[in-house]
Amino acid sequence: MDSIAWMAWTLPTAIFFAALGCTLAVMTWLAAAYPEAERVGVLRIPTTRGDRLFLSLILTAIIHLVWIGLVGTDTIATLPIGEDGIEVSSLWLATLISLGCAVLIFRTV
């Protein structure tokens, strides 16, 4: 177990991978139920759902790396759960920004 200690398997990491898995499952179902046609958006190049997912994941990584570099991961709140409470990192704000950007990408690109 010590060999994977550096991977930081935390609750946010687990939620991220669970959300990613759900996204891929829903997109697979959408591809089977509603075959897609390429769409031309603001980039003026034809894109598919997979292209837009890839763009949103790359942008999410960039947003989080820039956030960590400029803002950090300080605690912004403590939820009154359990004996000591659960600390909420400012990185959750970057996640909300990333979700907004993903919606924008899927709607306009």
Protein backbone atom coordinates (compact mmCIF):
# COMPACT_ATOMS: atom_id res chain seq x y z
CA MET A 1 0.00 0.00 0.00
CA ASP A 2 2.97 2.31 0.57
CA SER A 3 3.79 2.27 -3.13
CA ILE A 4 0.59 4.17 -4.01
CA ALA A 5 0.60 6.58 -1.07
CA TRP A 6 1.81 9.40 -3.33
CA MET A 7 -1.35 9.17 -5.43
CA ALA A 8 -3.42 11.11 -2.89
CA TRP A 9 -6.60 9.04 -3.03
CA THR A 10 -8.85 11.51 -1.29
CA LEU A 11 -12.60 12.08 -1.38
CA PRO A 12 -12.32 14.73 -4.14
CA THR A 13 -10.19 12.32 -6.20
CA ALA A 14 -12.75 9.56 -5.75
CA ILE A 15 -15.60 11.90 -6.69
CA PHE A 16 -13.70 13.05 -9.78
CA PHE A 17 -13.14 9.50 -11.04
CA ALA A 18 -16.71 8.48 -10.21
CA ALA A 19 -18.02 11.50 -12.13
CA LEU A 20 -15.71 10.70 -15.04
CA GLY A 21 -16.93 7.10 -15.09
CA CYS A 22 -20.57 8.23 -15.01
CA THR A 23 -19.90 10.70 -17.80
CA LEU A 24 -18.37 8.01 -19.99
CA ALA A 25 -21.26 5.64 -19.23
CA VAL A 26 -23.85 8.28 -20.14
CA MET A 27 -21.96 9.23 -23.30
CA THR A 28 -21.77 5.56 -24.32
CA TRP A 29 -25.51 5.22 -23.79
CA LEU A 30 -26.12 8.43 -25.77
CA ALA A 31 -23.98 7.18 -28.64
CA ALA A 32 -25.99 3.95 -28.80
CA ALA A 33 -29.43 5.51 -28.26
CA TYR A 34 -28.92 8.66 -30.33
CA PRO A 35 -26.28 8.28 -33.03
CA GLU A 36 -24.43 11.52 -33.32
CA ALA A 37 -23.73 13.73 -36.26
CA GLU A 38 -20.79 16.07 -36.31
CA ARG A 39 -21.68 19.61 -35.30
CA VAL A 40 -19.99 22.88 -36.24
CA GLY A 41 -19.86 25.38 -33.40
CA VAL A 42 -17.88 28.51 -32.60
CA LEU A 43 -14.58 26.85 -33.55
CA ARG A 44 -15.91 26.37 -37.09
CA ILE A 45 -14.66 22.78 -37.19
CA PRO A 46 -16.84 19.69 -37.03
CA THR A 47 -16.83 18.14 -33.54
CA THR A 48 -18.46 15.13 -31.92
CA ARG A 49 -19.46 14.49 -28.32
CA GLY A 50 -16.14 12.78 -27.72
CA ASP A 51 -14.23 15.79 -29.07
CA ARG A 52 -16.14 18.12 -26.77
CA LEU A 53 -15.56 15.81 -23.78
CA PHE A 54 -11.82 15.74 -24.55
CA LEU A 55 -11.70 19.55 -24.79
CA SER A 56 -13.57 19.95 -21.51
CA LEU A 57 -11.28 17.46 -19.70
CA ILE A 58 -8.15 19.23 -20.96
CA LEU A 59 -9.58 22.61 -19.90
CA THR A 60 -10.50 21.15 -16.50
CA ALA A 61 -6.92 20.01 -15.96
CA ILE A 62 -5.59 23.44 -16.95
CA ILE A 63 -8.05 25.28 -14.70
CA HIS A 64 -7.14 23.10 -11.70
CA LEU A 65 -3.39 23.41 -12.26
CA VAL A 66 -3.60 27.19 -12.62
CA TRP A 67 -5.87 27.37 -9.55
CA ILE A 68 -3.43 25.36 -7.45
CA GLY A 69 -0.54 27.50 -8.69
CA LEU A 70 -2.20 30.87 -8.11
CA VAL A 71 -4.75 30.33 -5.31
CA GLY A 72 -3.71 27.13 -3.58
CA THR A 73 -5.86 24.60 -1.78
CA ASP A 74 -6.57 26.35 1.50
CA THR A 75 -9.66 25.46 3.51
CA ILE A 76 -12.56 27.83 2.88
CA ALA A 77 -15.10 26.17 5.18
CA THR A 78 -15.56 23.33 7.63
CA LEU A 79 -18.73 21.29 7.47
CA PRO A 80 -20.08 20.24 10.88
CA ILE A 81 -19.94 16.51 10.13
CA GLY A 82 -18.33 14.12 12.54
CA GLU A 83 -16.20 14.96 15.54
CA ASP A 84 -13.76 17.31 13.84
CA GLY A 85 -15.83 18.32 10.81
CA ILE A 86 -14.95 18.03 7.13
CA GLU A 87 -12.74 20.73 5.65
CA VAL A 88 -13.79 22.09 2.25
CA SER A 89 -10.89 23.07 0.01
CA SER A 90 -10.91 26.11 -2.26
CA LEU A 91 -10.23 23.64 -5.07
CA TRP A 92 -13.97 22.92 -5.12
CA LEU A 93 -14.45 26.43 -6.55
CA ALA A 94 -12.14 25.48 -9.42
CA THR A 95 -14.27 22.38 -9.93
CA LEU A 96 -17.42 24.51 -10.19
CA ILE A 97 -15.70 26.77 -12.71
CA SER A 98 -14.63 23.69 -14.67
CA LEU A 99 -18.18 22.34 -14.72
CA GLY A 100 -19.42 25.68 -16.03
CA CYS A 101 -16.77 25.63 -18.75
CA ALA A 102 -17.71 22.05 -19.68
CA VAL A 103 -21.35 23.06 -20.09
CA LEU A 104 -20.26 26.01 -22.22
CA ILE A 105 -18.08 23.76 -24.39
CA PHE A 106 -20.84 21.19 -24.90
CA ARG A 107 -23.34 23.93 -25.81
CA THR A 108 -21.19 26.05 -28.15
CA VAL A 109 -18.30 24.04 -29.59
